[in-house]
Amino acid sequence: MRVPDHGHATHCLQHISYYRLRAYWLPCEDAAPADGEHRFKAGTSFDDVLDLYIFDRKLRLLVMDALERIEVSLRGSWAHHLAMKYGPHGYLDPTHYTRPDYYAKAFASLIEEIDRSKDTFIVHYKTKYDDPVHPPIWMTAEIISLGQLSKWLGNLKLRPDRQAVSKPYGLDEKVLVSLAHHLTYVRNICAHHGRLWNKQFTVTMTVPNSPAALKLAMNPASERRLYNTLAVLGYLMGIVAPGTQWRQQLFELIASNPFIDLAAMGFPEDWQSRPAWKFRSGPDM
């Protein structure tokens, strides 16, 4: 590997660590001539590896930006529908859920989350009210995690309830429940600063069959790669914040680093021309 600036490389290895950075130069290695040996492809530069590392960090931040807004929107859709149909505390009624054991685990986790919360509105509720003991759903929606929300949503007994929560996004309820579970997994990777760009996911999502533009954007040959996730995030951002520049920012980020192997991310060759990647104007949020 060429190292144009040894001082800079030493600094990076000190503050990033050899082991962490090594994951980004693995694509630059040739097949090892013997076990335990490593050899780089001709022309490999430390600066190229560092650029890939920086690209991955920027990609995580961009994905987290979308996840934040989508998670907040999904919480709101869940809380609004259940509050309007079952009342402020109806979401805690176990008869609304299919699996009592799943409900018991989700309820216990939720109570732990509420008890740990120091948010002003939770403290105020506990101080002022003792019946019902637990806060209304619109308060719960402010502290529930995306992973917990996916469990509450997926365990709802009535399909029309799940469909009502899914309706604002134009997705079938099975797709949305699967997607919420998958996005929780992706969010955890990003939150723990894990490698994202060429990650092979173990928790995947159900590929949407509608709307048509999103279905056409999908790459069924790479269900465990990042591309499909980015396509769905771009689609949802177009709904949650139709004026957002998120997709344009993704285009620019990819274009900024020609070293990126898009095939390793699951991108089809014609991805930019697919309808789901077209931009719309409107208010950002």
C-alpha atoms as a PDB file:
ATOM      1  CA  MET A   1       0.000   0.000   0.000  1.00  0.00           C
ATOM      2  CA  ARG A   2       1.267   3.449  -0.884  1.00  0.00           C
ATOM      3  CA  VAL A   3       1.339   5.850   2.073  1.00  0.00           C
ATOM      4  CA  PRO A   4       1.853   9.394   0.709  1.00  0.00           C
ATOM      5  CA  ASP A   5       1.938  11.038   4.153  1.00  0.00           C
ATOM      6  CA  HIS A   6       3.284   8.806   6.926  1.00  0.00           C
ATOM      7  CA  GLY A   7       2.581  11.373   9.643  1.00  0.00           C
ATOM      8  CA  HIS A   8      -1.073  11.669   8.621  1.00  0.00           C
ATOM      9  CA  ALA A   9      -1.404   7.879   8.373  1.00  0.00           C
ATOM     10  CA  THR A  10       0.049   7.482  11.885  1.00  0.00           C
ATOM     11  CA  HIS A  11      -2.439  10.025  13.219  1.00  0.00           C
ATOM     12  CA  CYS A  12      -5.383   8.233  11.548  1.00  0.00           C
ATOM     13  CA  LEU A  13      -4.336   4.827  12.833  1.00  0.00           C
ATOM     14  CA  GLN A  14      -4.001   6.247  16.330  1.00  0.00           C
ATOM     15  CA  HIS A  15      -7.479   7.788  16.366  1.00  0.00           C
ATOM     16  CA  ILE A  16      -9.384   5.297  14.197  1.00  0.00           C
ATOM     17  CA  SER A  17      -7.431   2.107  15.003  1.00  0.00           C
ATOM     18  CA  TYR A  18      -5.782  -0.347  12.669  1.00  0.00           C
ATOM     19  CA  TYR A  19      -8.476  -2.996  13.126  1.00  0.00           C
ATOM     20  CA  ARG A  20     -11.366  -0.637  12.339  1.00  0.00           C
ATOM     21  CA  LEU A  21      -9.680   0.882   9.293  1.00  0.00           C
ATOM     22  CA  ARG A  22      -8.567  -2.508   7.999  1.00  0.00           C
ATOM     23  CA  ALA A  23     -12.201  -3.357   7.155  1.00  0.00           C
ATOM     24  CA  TYR A  24     -12.076  -0.586   4.563  1.00  0.00           C
ATOM     25  CA  TRP A  25      -8.991  -1.834   2.776  1.00  0.00           C
ATOM     26  CA  LEU A  26     -10.095  -5.470   2.523  1.00  0.00           C
ATOM     27  CA  PRO A  27     -11.603  -4.791  -0.960  1.00  0.00           C
ATOM     28  CA  CYS A  28      -8.132  -3.596  -2.001  1.00  0.00           C
ATOM     29  CA  GLU A  29      -6.461  -6.905  -1.156  1.00  0.00           C
ATOM     30  CA  ASP A  30      -5.615  -9.615  -3.678  1.00  0.00           C
ATOM     31  CA  ALA A  31      -6.083 -13.259  -2.865  1.00  0.00           C
ATOM     32  CA  ALA A  32      -3.535 -14.160  -0.195  1.00  0.00           C
ATOM     33  CA  PRO A  33      -0.669 -16.325  -1.478  1.00  0.00           C
ATOM     34  CA  ALA A  34      -0.670 -18.237   1.804  1.00  0.00           C
ATOM     35  CA  ASP A  35      -2.722 -18.374   4.998  1.00  0.00           C
ATOM     36  CA  GLY A  36      -2.177 -15.353   7.188  1.00  0.00           C
ATOM     37  CA  GLU A  37      -0.506 -13.282   4.473  1.00  0.00           C
ATOM     38  CA  HIS A  38      -1.936 -10.179   2.822  1.00  0.00           C
ATOM     39  CA  ARG A  39      -1.141  -8.464  -0.454  1.00  0.00           C
ATOM     40  CA  PHE A  40      -2.646  -5.287  -1.881  1.00  0.00           C
ATOM     41  CA  LYS A  41      -3.703  -4.730  -5.448  1.00  0.00           C
ATOM     42  CA  ALA A  42      -1.343  -2.581  -7.456  1.00  0.00           C
ATOM     43  CA  GLY A  43      -1.868   1.149  -6.936  1.00  0.00           C
ATOM     44  CA  THR A  44      -3.648   0.856  -3.574  1.00  0.00           C
ATOM     45  CA  SER A  45      -3.187   4.049  -1.566  1.00  0.00           C
ATOM     46  CA  PHE A  46      -3.829   4.763   2.098  1.00  0.00           C
ATOM     47  CA  ASP A  47      -5.583   7.954   1.037  1.00  0.00           C
ATOM     48  CA  ASP A  48      -8.101   5.955  -1.045  1.00  0.00           C
ATOM     49  CA  VAL A  49      -8.857   3.771   1.967  1.00  0.00           C
ATOM     50  CA  LEU A  50      -9.309   6.827   4.168  1.00  0.00           C
ATOM     51  CA  ASP A  51     -11.635   8.387   1.571  1.00  0.00           C
ATOM     52  CA  LEU A  52     -13.778   5.234   1.691  1.00  0.00           C
ATOM     53  CA  TYR A  53     -13.879   5.417   5.486  1.00  0.00           C
ATOM     54  CA  ILE A  54     -14.982   9.068   5.342  1.00  0.00           C
ATOM     55  CA  PHE A  55     -17.574   8.206   2.688  1.00  0.00           C
ATOM     56  CA  ASP A  56     -19.040   5.545   4.968  1.00  0.00           C
ATOM     57  CA  ARG A  57     -19.231   7.981   7.869  1.00  0.00           C
ATOM     58  CA  LYS A  58     -21.058  10.555   5.736  1.00  0.00           C
ATOM     59  CA  LEU A  59     -23.355   7.827   4.452  1.00  0.00           C
ATOM     60  CA  ARG A  60     -24.284   6.804   8.009  1.00  0.00           C
ATOM     61  CA  LEU A  61     -25.083  10.408   8.882  1.00  0.00           C
ATOM     62  CA  LEU A  62     -27.270  10.756   5.802  1.00  0.00           C
ATOM     63  CA  VAL A  63     -29.101   7.514   6.584  1.00  0.00           C
ATOM     64  CA  MET A  64     -29.602   8.611  10.200  1.00  0.00           C
ATOM     65  CA  ASP A  65     -31.098  11.887   8.991  1.00  0.00           C
ATOM     66  CA  ALA A  66     -33.743   9.950   7.051  1.00  0.00           C
ATOM     67  CA  LEU A  67     -34.312   7.431   9.842  1.00  0.00           C
ATOM     68  CA  GLU A  68     -34.962  10.182  12.372  1.00  0.00           C
ATOM     69  CA  ARG A  69     -37.723  11.793  10.334  1.00  0.00           C
ATOM     70  CA  ILE A  70     -39.277   8.494   9.284  1.00  0.00           C
ATOM     71  CA  GLU A  71     -39.260   7.192  12.863  1.00  0.00           C
ATOM     72  CA  VAL A  72     -40.922  10.356  14.180  1.00  0.00           C
ATOM     73  CA  SER A  73     -43.563  10.128  11.447  1.00  0.00           C
ATOM     74  CA  LEU A  74     -44.238   6.456  12.119  1.00  0.00           C
ATOM     75  CA  ARG A  75     -44.634   7.105  15.853  1.00  0.00           C
ATOM     76  CA  GLY A  76     -47.167   9.802  15.032  1.00  0.00           C
ATOM     77  CA  SER A  77     -49.169   7.624  12.658  1.00  0.00           C
ATOM     78  CA  TRP A  78     -49.295   4.806  15.219  1.00  0.00           C
ATOM     79  CA  ALA A  79     -50.338   7.082  18.073  1.00  0.00           C
ATOM     80  CA  HIS A  80     -52.940   8.996  16.055  1.00  0.00           C
ATOM     81  CA  HIS A  81     -54.774   5.953  14.747  1.00  0.00           C
ATOM     82  CA  LEU A  82     -54.882   4.022  18.015  1.00  0.00           C
ATOM     83  CA  ALA A  83     -55.845   7.093  20.048  1.00  0.00           C
ATOM     84  CA  MET A  84     -58.698   7.961  17.684  1.00  0.00           C
ATOM     85  CA  LYS A  85     -60.001   4.386  17.610  1.00  0.00           C
ATOM     86  CA  TYR A  86     -59.337   3.091  21.122  1.00  0.00           C
ATOM     87  CA  GLY A  87     -58.773   6.208  23.223  1.00  0.00           C
ATOM     88  CA  PRO A  88     -55.704   7.615  24.972  1.00  0.00           C
ATOM     89  CA  HIS A  89     -54.886   4.415  26.870  1.00  0.00           C
ATOM     90  CA  GLY A  90     -56.522   1.826  24.629  1.00  0.00           C
ATOM     91  CA  TYR A  91     -53.173   0.842  23.161  1.00  0.00           C
ATOM     92  CA  LEU A  92     -52.411  -0.945  26.455  1.00  0.00           C
ATOM     93  CA  ASP A  93     -55.452  -3.227  26.231  1.00  0.00           C
ATOM     94  CA  PRO A  94     -54.062  -6.768  25.693  1.00  0.00           C
ATOM     95  CA  THR A  95     -57.168  -7.817  23.757  1.00  0.00           C
ATOM     96  CA  HIS A  96     -55.954  -5.710  20.805  1.00  0.00           C
ATOM     97  CA  TYR A  97     -52.919  -7.963  20.281  1.00  0.00           C
ATOM     98  CA  THR A  98     -52.463 -11.385  18.717  1.00  0.00           C
ATOM     99  CA  ARG A  99     -49.749 -12.919  20.898  1.00  0.00           C
ATOM    100  CA  PRO A 100     -50.170 -12.495  24.681  1.00  0.00           C
ATOM    101  CA  ASP A 101     -46.529 -13.489  25.264  1.00  0.00           C
ATOM    102  CA  TYR A 102     -45.303 -10.874  22.788  1.00  0.00           C
ATOM    103  CA  TYR A 103     -47.568  -8.302  24.410  1.00  0.00           C
ATOM    104  CA  ALA A 104     -46.247  -9.150  27.893  1.00  0.00           C
ATOM    105  CA  LYS A 105     -42.625  -8.696  26.790  1.00  0.00           C
ATOM    106  CA  ALA A 106     -43.374  -5.475  24.919  1.00  0.00           C
ATOM    107  CA  PHE A 107     -45.361  -4.110  27.864  1.00  0.00           C
ATOM    108  CA  ALA A 108     -42.576  -4.914  30.343  1.00  0.00           C
ATOM    109  CA  SER A 109     -39.988  -3.224  28.096  1.00  0.00           C
ATOM    110  CA  LEU A 110     -42.209  -0.201  27.654  1.00  0.00           C
ATOM    111  CA  ILE A 111     -42.744   0.212  31.408  1.00  0.00           C
ATOM    112  CA  GLU A 112     -38.978   0.049  31.933  1.00  0.00           C
ATOM    113  CA  GLU A 113     -38.565   2.758  29.297  1.00  0.00           C
ATOM    114  CA  ILE A 114     -41.206   4.932  30.971  1.00  0.00           C
ATOM    115  CA  ASP A 115     -39.684   4.418  34.426  1.00  0.00           C
ATOM    116  CA  ARG A 116     -36.217   5.396  33.150  1.00  0.00           C
ATOM    117  CA  SER A 117     -37.474   8.496  31.376  1.00  0.00           C
ATOM    118  CA  LYS A 118     -36.608  11.885  32.836  1.00  0.00           C
ATOM    119  CA  ASP A 119     -38.580  13.781  30.210  1.00  0.00           C
ATOM    120  CA  THR A 120     -40.574  16.643  31.711  1.00  0.00           C
ATOM    121  CA  PHE A 121     -43.909  15.447  30.355  1.00  0.00           C
ATOM    122  CA  ILE A 122     -43.432  11.940  31.793  1.00  0.00           C
ATOM    123  CA  VAL A 123     -42.379  13.287  35.194  1.00  0.00           C
ATOM    124  CA  HIS A 124     -45.374  15.654  35.148  1.00  0.00           C
ATOM    125  CA  TYR A 125     -47.775  12.822  34.332  1.00  0.00           C
ATOM    126  CA  LYS A 126     -46.426  10.595  37.110  1.00  0.00           C
ATOM    127  CA  THR A 127     -46.657  13.480  39.579  1.00  0.00           C
ATOM    128  CA  LYS A 128     -50.176  14.585  38.696  1.00  0.00           C
ATOM    129  CA  TYR A 129     -51.959  11.371  37.701  1.00  0.00           C
ATOM    130  CA  ASP A 130     -52.220   7.911  39.187  1.00  0.00           C
ATOM    131  CA  ASP A 131     -55.233   6.676  37.235  1.00  0.00           C
ATOM    132  CA  PRO A 132     -54.500   5.469  34.618  1.00  0.00           C
ATOM    133  CA  VAL A 133     -51.047   4.637  35.922  1.00  0.00           C
ATOM    134  CA  HIS A 134     -49.363   4.744  32.533  1.00  0.00           C
ATOM    135  CA  PRO A 135     -49.230   7.734  30.163  1.00  0.00           C
ATOM    136  CA  PRO A 136     -51.454   8.175  27.093  1.00  0.00           C
ATOM    137  CA  ILE A 137     -50.222   6.965  23.760  1.00  0.00           C
ATOM    138  CA  TRP A 138     -49.151  10.381  22.474  1.00  0.00           C
ATOM    139  CA  MET A 139     -46.693  10.641  25.386  1.00  0.00           C
ATOM    140  CA  THR A 140     -45.541   7.061  24.957  1.00  0.00           C
ATOM    141  CA  ALA A 141     -44.916   7.764  21.262  1.00  0.00           C
ATOM    142  CA  GLU A 142     -42.314  10.356  22.256  1.00  0.00           C
ATOM    143  CA  ILE A 143     -40.131   7.904  24.162  1.00  0.00           C
ATOM    144  CA  ILE A 144     -40.749   4.539  22.492  1.00  0.00           C
ATOM    145  CA  SER A 145     -37.874   3.211  20.416  1.00  0.00           C
ATOM    146  CA  LEU A 146     -38.281   2.222  16.788  1.00  0.00           C
ATOM    147  CA  GLY A 147     -37.548  -1.393  17.711  1.00  0.00           C
ATOM    148  CA  GLN A 148     -40.246  -1.374  20.378  1.00  0.00           C
ATOM    149  CA  LEU A 149     -42.691   0.340  18.042  1.00  0.00           C
ATOM    150  CA  SER A 150     -42.180  -2.327  15.382  1.00  0.00           C
ATOM    151  CA  LYS A 151     -43.161  -4.976  17.950  1.00  0.00           C
ATOM    152  CA  TRP A 152     -46.292  -3.166  19.094  1.00  0.00           C
ATOM    153  CA  LEU A 153     -47.326  -2.527  15.509  1.00  0.00           C
ATOM    154  CA  GLY A 154     -46.592  -6.065  14.314  1.00  0.00           C
ATOM    155  CA  ASN A 155     -48.570  -7.654  17.151  1.00  0.00           C
ATOM    156  CA  LEU A 156     -51.784  -5.692  16.536  1.00  0.00           C
ATOM    157  CA  LYS A 157     -54.570  -8.232  16.144  1.00  0.00           C
ATOM    158  CA  LEU A 158     -56.610  -6.465  13.492  1.00  0.00           C
ATOM    159  CA  ARG A 159     -55.119  -6.044  10.046  1.00  0.00           C
ATOM    160  CA  PRO A 160     -57.207  -2.882   9.425  1.00  0.00           C
ATOM    161  CA  ASP A 161     -55.382  -1.251  12.361  1.00  0.00           C
ATOM    162  CA  ARG A 162     -52.004  -2.047  10.859  1.00  0.00           C
ATOM    163  CA  GLN A 163     -53.219  -0.903   7.453  1.00  0.00           C
ATOM    164  CA  ALA A 164     -54.458   2.394   8.901  1.00  0.00           C
ATOM    165  CA  VAL A 165     -51.001   3.108  10.357  1.00  0.00           C
ATOM    166  CA  SER A 166     -49.406   2.144   7.016  1.00  0.00           C
ATOM    167  CA  LYS A 167     -51.790   4.118   4.801  1.00  0.00           C
ATOM    168  CA  PRO A 168     -49.960   7.486   4.882  1.00  0.00           C
ATOM    169  CA  TYR A 169     -46.906   5.764   3.385  1.00  0.00           C
ATOM    170  CA  GLY A 170     -48.673   3.928   0.571  1.00  0.00           C
ATOM    171  CA  LEU A 171     -47.305   0.605   1.822  1.00  0.00           C
ATOM    172  CA  ASP A 172     -48.964  -2.667   2.759  1.00  0.00           C
ATOM    173  CA  GLU A 173     -48.963  -3.304   6.491  1.00  0.00           C
ATOM    174  CA  LYS A 174     -46.800  -6.423   6.155  1.00  0.00           C
ATOM    175  CA  VAL A 175     -44.191  -4.382   4.311  1.00  0.00           C
ATOM    176  CA  LEU A 176     -44.272  -1.592   6.895  1.00  0.00           C
ATOM    177  CA  VAL A 177     -43.925  -3.971   9.861  1.00  0.00           C
ATOM    178  CA  SER A 178     -41.023  -5.733   8.148  1.00  0.00           C
ATOM    179  CA  LEU A 179     -39.475  -2.399   7.196  1.00  0.00           C
ATOM    180  CA  ALA A 180     -39.695  -1.033  10.750  1.00  0.00           C
ATOM    181  CA  HIS A 181     -37.852  -4.123  12.008  1.00  0.00           C
ATOM    182  CA  HIS A 182     -35.197  -3.782   9.304  1.00  0.00           C
ATOM    183  CA  LEU A 183     -34.722  -0.051   9.865  1.00  0.00           C
ATOM    184  CA  THR A 184     -34.226  -0.715  13.572  1.00  0.00           C
ATOM    185  CA  TYR A 185     -31.348  -3.000  12.618  1.00  0.00           C
ATOM    186  CA  VAL A 186     -29.881  -0.399  10.241  1.00  0.00           C
ATOM    187  CA  ARG A 187     -30.304   2.327  12.857  1.00  0.00           C
ATOM    188  CA  ASN A 188     -28.343   0.262  15.369  1.00  0.00           C
ATOM    189  CA  ILE A 189     -25.488  -0.141  12.890  1.00  0.00           C
ATOM    190  CA  CYS A 190     -25.388   3.613  12.346  1.00  0.00           C
ATOM    191  CA  ALA A 191     -25.757   4.479  16.039  1.00  0.00           C
ATOM    192  CA  HIS A 192     -22.798   2.253  16.910  1.00  0.00           C
ATOM    193  CA  HIS A 193     -20.714   3.678  14.028  1.00  0.00           C
ATOM    194  CA  GLY A 194     -20.585   0.351  12.225  1.00  0.00           C
ATOM    195  CA  ARG A 195     -19.511  -0.203   8.630  1.00  0.00           C
ATOM    196  CA  LEU A 196     -22.534   0.371   6.404  1.00  0.00           C
ATOM    197  CA  TRP A 197     -21.564   0.845   2.768  1.00  0.00           C
ATOM    198  CA  ASN A 198     -20.983  -2.823   1.818  1.00  0.00           C
ATOM    199  CA  LYS A 199     -22.637  -4.469   4.819  1.00  0.00           C
ATOM    200  CA  GLN A 200     -24.425  -7.752   4.203  1.00  0.00           C
ATOM    201  CA  PHE A 201     -27.568  -7.475   6.304  1.00  0.00           C
ATOM    202  CA  THR A 202     -28.842 -10.327   8.442  1.00  0.00           C
ATOM    203  CA  VAL A 203     -32.182  -8.619   9.099  1.00  0.00           C
ATOM    204  CA  THR A 204     -33.837  -7.891   5.761  1.00  0.00           C
ATOM    205  CA  MET A 205     -37.154  -6.358   4.760  1.00  0.00           C
ATOM    206  CA  THR A 206     -40.060  -7.539   2.653  1.00  0.00           C
ATOM    207  CA  VAL A 207     -39.578  -6.084  -0.824  1.00  0.00           C
ATOM    208  CA  PRO A 208     -42.582  -3.845  -1.659  1.00  0.00           C
ATOM    209  CA  ASN A 209     -44.802  -4.750  -4.613  1.00  0.00           C
ATOM    210  CA  SER A 210     -46.329  -1.285  -4.658  1.00  0.00           C
ATOM    211  CA  PRO A 211     -46.298   1.554  -5.419  1.00  0.00           C
ATOM    212  CA  ALA A 212     -45.046   0.750  -8.892  1.00  0.00           C
ATOM    213  CA  ALA A 213     -42.174   3.255  -8.889  1.00  0.00           C
ATOM    214  CA  LEU A 214     -40.772   1.804  -5.669  1.00  0.00           C
ATOM    215  CA  LYS A 215     -41.171  -1.771  -6.889  1.00  0.00           C
ATOM    216  CA  LEU A 216     -39.268  -0.884 -10.060  1.00  0.00           C
ATOM    217  CA  ALA A 217     -36.501   0.685  -7.982  1.00  0.00           C
ATOM    218  CA  MET A 218     -35.872  -2.502  -6.014  1.00  0.00           C
ATOM    219  CA  ASN A 219     -32.998  -4.850  -6.808  1.00  0.00           C
ATOM    220  CA  PRO A 220     -34.252  -8.375  -5.933  1.00  0.00           C
ATOM    221  CA  ALA A 221     -30.800  -9.811  -6.659  1.00  0.00           C
ATOM    222  CA  SER A 222     -29.283  -7.923  -3.700  1.00  0.00           C
ATOM    223  CA  GLU A 223     -31.815  -8.173  -0.887  1.00  0.00           C
ATOM    224  CA  ARG A 224     -29.092  -8.224   1.782  1.00  0.00           C
ATOM    225  CA  ARG A 225     -27.291  -5.120   0.548  1.00  0.00           C
ATOM    226  CA  LEU A 226     -27.809  -1.440   1.289  1.00  0.00           C
ATOM    227  CA  TYR A 227     -29.263  -0.285  -2.032  1.00  0.00           C
ATOM    228  CA  ASN A 228     -32.848  -1.436  -1.400  1.00  0.00           C
ATOM    229  CA  THR A 229     -32.789   0.238   2.001  1.00  0.00           C
ATOM    230  CA  LEU A 230     -31.656   3.519   0.430  1.00  0.00           C
ATOM    231  CA  ALA A 231     -34.376   3.258  -2.216  1.00  0.00           C
ATOM    232  CA  VAL A 232     -37.076   2.840   0.441  1.00  0.00           C
ATOM    233  CA  LEU A 233     -35.637   5.655   2.550  1.00  0.00           C
ATOM    234  CA  GLY A 234     -35.673   7.931  -0.481  1.00  0.00           C
ATOM    235  CA  TYR A 235     -39.279   6.983  -1.204  1.00  0.00           C
ATOM    236  CA  LEU A 236     -40.397   7.577   2.393  1.00  0.00           C
ATOM    237  CA  MET A 237     -38.524  10.860   2.602  1.00  0.00           C
ATOM    238  CA  GLY A 238     -40.474  11.967  -0.452  1.00  0.00           C
ATOM    239  CA  ILE A 239     -43.649  11.440   1.604  1.00  0.00           C
ATOM    240  CA  VAL A 240     -42.509  12.666   5.011  1.00  0.00           C
ATOM    241  CA  ALA A 241     -40.638  15.706   3.664  1.00  0.00           C
ATOM    242  CA  PRO A 242     -41.350  16.054  -0.080  1.00  0.00           C
ATOM    243  CA  GLY A 243     -39.091  19.077  -0.465  1.00  0.00           C
ATOM    244  CA  THR A 244     -36.077  17.400   1.076  1.00  0.00           C
ATOM    245  CA  GLN A 245     -32.779  17.280  -0.775  1.00  0.00           C
ATOM    246  CA  TRP A 246     -32.010  13.860   0.724  1.00  0.00           C
ATOM    247  CA  ARG A 247     -31.905  11.946  -2.546  1.00  0.00           C
ATOM    248  CA  GLN A 248     -29.889  14.679  -4.192  1.00  0.00           C
ATOM    249  CA  GLN A 249     -27.440  14.555  -1.280  1.00  0.00           C
ATOM    250  CA  LEU A 250     -27.111  10.805  -1.779  1.00  0.00           C
ATOM    251  CA  PHE A 251     -26.385  11.328  -5.484  1.00  0.00           C
ATOM    252  CA  GLU A 252     -23.723  13.916  -4.634  1.00  0.00           C
ATOM    253  CA  LEU A 253     -22.142  11.762  -1.945  1.00  0.00           C
ATOM    254  CA  ILE A 254     -21.809   8.805  -4.313  1.00  0.00           C
ATOM    255  CA  ALA A 255     -20.416  11.007  -7.072  1.00  0.00           C
ATOM    256  CA  SER A 256     -17.847  12.481  -4.682  1.00  0.00           C
ATOM    257  CA  ASN A 257     -15.977   9.198  -4.380  1.00  0.00           C
ATOM    258  CA  PRO A 258     -15.271   7.335  -7.638  1.00  0.00           C
ATOM    259  CA  PHE A 259     -13.467   4.672  -5.582  1.00  0.00           C
ATOM    260  CA  ILE A 260     -16.834   3.336  -4.344  1.00  0.00           C
ATOM    261  CA  ASP A 261     -17.866  -0.081  -5.633  1.00  0.00           C
ATOM    262  CA  LEU A 262     -21.601   0.418  -6.106  1.00  0.00           C
ATOM    263  CA  ALA A 263     -22.087  -3.267  -6.941  1.00  0.00           C
ATOM    264  CA  ALA A 264     -20.897  -4.106  -3.415  1.00  0.00           C
ATOM    265  CA  MET A 265     -23.741  -1.921  -2.134  1.00  0.00           C
ATOM    266  CA  GLY A 266     -26.300  -3.722  -4.310  1.00  0.00           C
ATOM    267  CA  PHE A 267     -26.827  -0.864  -6.777  1.00  0.00           C
ATOM    268  CA  PRO A 268     -28.105  -1.913 -10.216  1.00  0.00           C
ATOM    269  CA  GLU A 269     -26.302  -0.259 -13.124  1.00  0.00           C
ATOM    270  CA  ASP A 270     -29.324   1.798 -14.193  1.00  0.00           C
ATOM    271  CA  TRP A 271     -30.415   2.888 -10.715  1.00  0.00           C
ATOM    272  CA  GLN A 272     -30.310   6.631 -11.411  1.00  0.00           C
ATOM    273  CA  SER A 273     -32.807   6.347 -14.251  1.00  0.00           C
ATOM    274  CA  ARG A 274     -35.439   4.482 -12.225  1.00  0.00           C
ATOM    275  CA  PRO A 275     -38.607   6.463 -11.387  1.00  0.00           C
ATOM    276  CA  ALA A 276     -38.250   6.284  -7.591  1.00  0.00           C
ATOM    277  CA  TRP A 277     -35.095   8.406  -7.762  1.00  0.00           C
ATOM    278  CA  LYS A 278     -36.785  11.371  -9.415  1.00  0.00           C
ATOM    279  CA  PHE A 279     -36.985  14.448  -7.233  1.00  0.00           C
ATOM    280  CA  ARG A 280     -40.127  16.375  -6.305  1.00  0.00           C
ATOM    281  CA  SER A 281     -40.451  19.886  -4.966  1.00  0.00           C
ATOM    282  CA  GLY A 282     -42.368  20.802  -1.848  1.00  0.00           C
ATOM    283  CA  PRO A 283     -41.868  21.873   1.785  1.00  0.00           C
ATOM    284  CA  ASP A 284     -39.006  20.324   3.728  1.00  0.00           C
ATOM    285  CA  MET A 285     -39.607  19.242   7.332  1.00  0.00           C
END
